């Protein structure tokens, strides 16, 4: 199966007011949620450009050759 956004599991985002004890300011990070489909998009772009499907991360030049 080729990676795509439709093959990713459902992601539930939960907002809470509980501070993170491991962060100096008590903040939680949420930046990862916006990039979950990037690997699939890059893989599909590589396939469209080269005709070669890469199915494992990291997608490096040596795997393409």
N, C-alpha and C. Protein backbone atom coordinates (compact mmCIF):
# COMPACT_ATOMS: atom_id res chain seq x y z
N UNK A 1 0.85 -1.17 0.00
CA UNK A 1 0.00 0.00 0.00
C UNK A 1 0.90 1.24 0.00
N UNK A 2 0.60 2.17 -0.87
CA UNK A 2 1.39 3.40 -0.90
C UNK A 2 0.90 4.35 0.18
N UNK A 3 1.81 5.11 0.77
CA UNK A 3 1.38 6.04 1.83
C UNK A 3 0.56 7.18 1.25
N UNK A 4 -0.51 7.50 1.92
CA UNK A 4 -1.33 8.64 1.52
C UNK A 4 -2.06 9.15 2.76
N UNK A 5 -2.63 10.31 2.64
CA UNK A 5 -3.34 10.89 3.78
C UNK A 5 -4.52 10.02 4.18
N UNK A 6 -5.09 9.29 3.23
CA UNK A 6 -6.25 8.45 3.55
C UNK A 6 -5.86 7.20 4.33
N UNK A 7 -4.57 6.83 4.35
CA UNK A 7 -4.15 5.65 5.09
C UNK A 7 -3.73 5.97 6.51
N UNK A 8 -3.69 7.25 6.87
CA UNK A 8 -3.33 7.62 8.23
C UNK A 8 -4.49 7.36 9.18
N UNK A 9 -4.19 6.96 10.40
CA UNK A 9 -5.28 6.76 11.36
C UNK A 9 -5.90 8.09 11.77
N UNK A 10 -7.09 8.02 12.30
CA UNK A 10 -7.78 9.22 12.77
C UNK A 10 -6.99 9.82 13.94
N UNK A 11 -6.89 11.12 13.95
CA UNK A 11 -6.18 11.83 15.01
C UNK A 11 -7.19 12.67 15.77
N UNK A 12 -7.34 12.38 17.04
CA UNK A 12 -8.21 13.18 17.90
C UNK A 12 -7.37 14.21 18.64
N UNK A 13 -7.76 15.46 18.53
CA UNK A 13 -7.05 16.54 19.20
C UNK A 13 -7.84 16.91 20.45
N UNK A 14 -7.16 16.89 21.57
CA UNK A 14 -7.81 17.21 22.84
C UNK A 14 -7.14 18.44 23.44
N UNK A 15 -7.92 19.46 23.71
CA UNK A 15 -7.41 20.67 24.36
C UNK A 15 -7.70 20.57 25.84
N UNK A 16 -6.71 20.89 26.65
CA UNK A 16 -6.94 20.89 28.08
C UNK A 16 -6.19 22.06 28.72
N UNK A 17 -6.51 22.33 29.96
CA UNK A 17 -5.89 23.43 30.69
C UNK A 17 -4.88 22.93 31.71
N UNK A 18 -4.41 21.71 31.55
CA UNK A 18 -3.45 21.14 32.49
C UNK A 18 -2.04 21.48 32.01
N UNK A 19 -1.25 22.17 32.82
CA UNK A 19 0.10 22.53 32.39
C UNK A 19 1.01 21.30 32.28
N UNK A 20 1.93 21.33 31.34
CA UNK A 20 2.90 20.26 31.15
C UNK A 20 4.03 20.45 32.17
N UNK A 21 4.22 19.50 33.08
CA UNK A 21 5.25 19.68 34.11
C UNK A 21 6.67 19.59 33.55
N UNK A 22 6.83 19.12 32.32
CA UNK A 22 8.16 18.96 31.72
C UNK A 22 8.59 20.19 30.92
N UNK A 23 7.71 21.15 30.77
CA UNK A 23 8.00 22.37 30.02
C UNK A 23 8.18 23.53 31.01
N UNK A 24 9.20 24.36 30.81
CA UNK A 24 9.42 25.47 31.75
C UNK A 24 8.22 26.42 31.87
N UNK A 25 7.49 26.59 30.77
CA UNK A 25 6.33 27.48 30.80
C UNK A 25 5.02 26.71 30.96
N UNK A 26 5.09 25.39 31.04
CA UNK A 26 3.89 24.57 31.18
C UNK A 26 3.12 24.40 29.89
N UNK A 27 3.76 24.66 28.75
CA UNK A 27 3.08 24.62 27.46
C UNK A 27 3.14 23.23 26.82
N UNK A 28 2.16 22.94 26.01
CA UNK A 28 2.12 21.72 25.22
C UNK A 28 2.37 22.08 23.75
N UNK A 29 3.09 21.24 23.04
CA UNK A 29 3.31 21.46 21.61
C UNK A 29 2.20 20.88 20.78
N UNK A 30 1.81 21.57 19.70
CA UNK A 30 0.78 21.05 18.80
C UNK A 30 1.23 21.09 17.35
N UNK A 31 2.49 21.40 17.09
CA UNK A 31 2.96 21.54 15.71
C UNK A 31 2.98 20.26 14.92
N UNK A 32 3.06 19.11 15.58
CA UNK A 32 3.15 17.85 14.86
C UNK A 32 1.86 17.51 14.11
N UNK A 33 0.75 17.98 14.59
CA UNK A 33 -0.54 17.63 13.99
C UNK A 33 -0.64 18.11 12.55
N UNK A 34 -0.08 19.26 12.28
CA UNK A 34 -0.18 19.83 10.93
C UNK A 34 0.71 19.18 9.90
N UNK A 35 1.66 18.34 10.30
CA UNK A 35 2.59 17.76 9.34
C UNK A 35 2.44 16.24 9.20
N UNK A 36 1.34 15.68 9.67
CA UNK A 36 1.20 14.23 9.62
C UNK A 36 1.14 13.69 8.20
N UNK A 37 0.64 14.45 7.26
CA UNK A 37 0.53 13.97 5.88
C UNK A 37 1.70 14.34 4.99
N UNK A 38 2.72 14.99 5.53
CA UNK A 38 3.82 15.47 4.70
C UNK A 38 4.61 14.31 4.08
N UNK A 39 4.88 13.27 4.85
CA UNK A 39 5.62 12.12 4.32
C UNK A 39 4.92 11.50 3.13
N UNK A 40 3.61 11.34 3.23
CA UNK A 40 2.83 10.78 2.12
C UNK A 40 2.86 11.70 0.91
N UNK A 41 2.75 13.01 1.14
CA UNK A 41 2.77 13.97 0.04
C UNK A 41 4.12 13.96 -0.67
N UNK A 42 5.20 13.91 0.10
CA UNK A 42 6.54 13.86 -0.50
C UNK A 42 6.72 12.56 -1.28
N UNK A 43 6.26 11.45 -0.70
CA UNK A 43 6.35 10.16 -1.41
C UNK A 43 5.60 10.18 -2.73
N UNK A 44 4.42 10.76 -2.74
CA UNK A 44 3.65 10.84 -3.98
C UNK A 44 4.29 11.80 -4.98
N UNK A 45 4.90 12.87 -4.50
CA UNK A 45 5.61 13.80 -5.39
C UNK A 45 6.81 13.11 -6.04
N UNK A 46 7.54 12.32 -5.24
CA UNK A 46 8.68 11.57 -5.80
C UNK A 46 8.20 10.59 -6.85
N UNK A 47 7.10 9.89 -6.57
CA UNK A 47 6.55 8.94 -7.54
C UNK A 47 6.11 9.64 -8.82
N UNK A 48 5.44 10.78 -8.69
CA UNK A 48 4.99 11.52 -9.88
C UNK A 48 6.16 12.04 -10.70
N UNK A 49 7.25 12.40 -10.04
CA UNK A 49 8.41 12.94 -10.75
C UNK A 49 9.29 11.86 -11.37
N UNK A 50 9.37 10.69 -10.71
CA UNK A 50 10.34 9.68 -11.15
C UNK A 50 9.72 8.37 -11.60
N UNK A 51 8.50 8.11 -11.19
CA UNK A 51 7.88 6.83 -11.48
C UNK A 51 8.31 5.73 -10.52
N UNK A 52 9.09 6.07 -9.52
CA UNK A 52 9.57 5.11 -8.53
C UNK A 52 8.87 5.36 -7.21
N UNK A 53 8.27 4.32 -6.64
CA UNK A 53 7.52 4.45 -5.39
C UNK A 53 8.44 4.10 -4.22
N UNK A 54 8.64 5.05 -3.31
CA UNK A 54 9.37 4.81 -2.08
C UNK A 54 8.36 4.60 -0.96
N UNK A 55 8.51 3.52 -0.21
CA UNK A 55 7.51 3.16 0.79
C UNK A 55 8.03 3.21 2.22
N UNK A 56 9.26 3.68 2.41
CA UNK A 56 9.82 3.75 3.76
C UNK A 56 10.43 5.12 4.01
N UNK A 57 10.35 5.56 5.24
CA UNK A 57 11.00 6.80 5.65
C UNK A 57 12.31 6.45 6.34
N UNK A 58 13.33 7.25 6.22
CA UNK A 58 13.40 8.47 5.44
C UNK A 58 13.55 8.16 3.95
N UNK A 59 13.03 9.02 3.13
CA UNK A 59 13.14 8.90 1.67
C UNK A 59 14.42 9.60 1.25
N UNK A 60 15.43 8.83 0.95
CA UNK A 60 16.73 9.39 0.60
C UNK A 60 17.10 9.04 -0.83
N UNK A 61 18.06 9.77 -1.36
CA UNK A 61 18.47 9.60 -2.75
C UNK A 61 18.98 8.18 -3.01
N UNK A 62 19.72 7.60 -2.07
CA UNK A 62 20.24 6.26 -2.30
C UNK A 62 19.12 5.23 -2.44
N UNK A 63 17.99 5.43 -1.81
CA UNK A 63 16.85 4.53 -1.99
C UNK A 63 16.18 4.72 -3.33
N UNK A 64 16.28 5.91 -3.88
CA UNK A 64 15.69 6.20 -5.17
C UNK A 64 16.50 5.62 -6.33
N UNK A 65 17.81 5.62 -6.15
CA UNK A 65 18.70 5.11 -7.20
C UNK A 65 18.75 3.63 -7.09
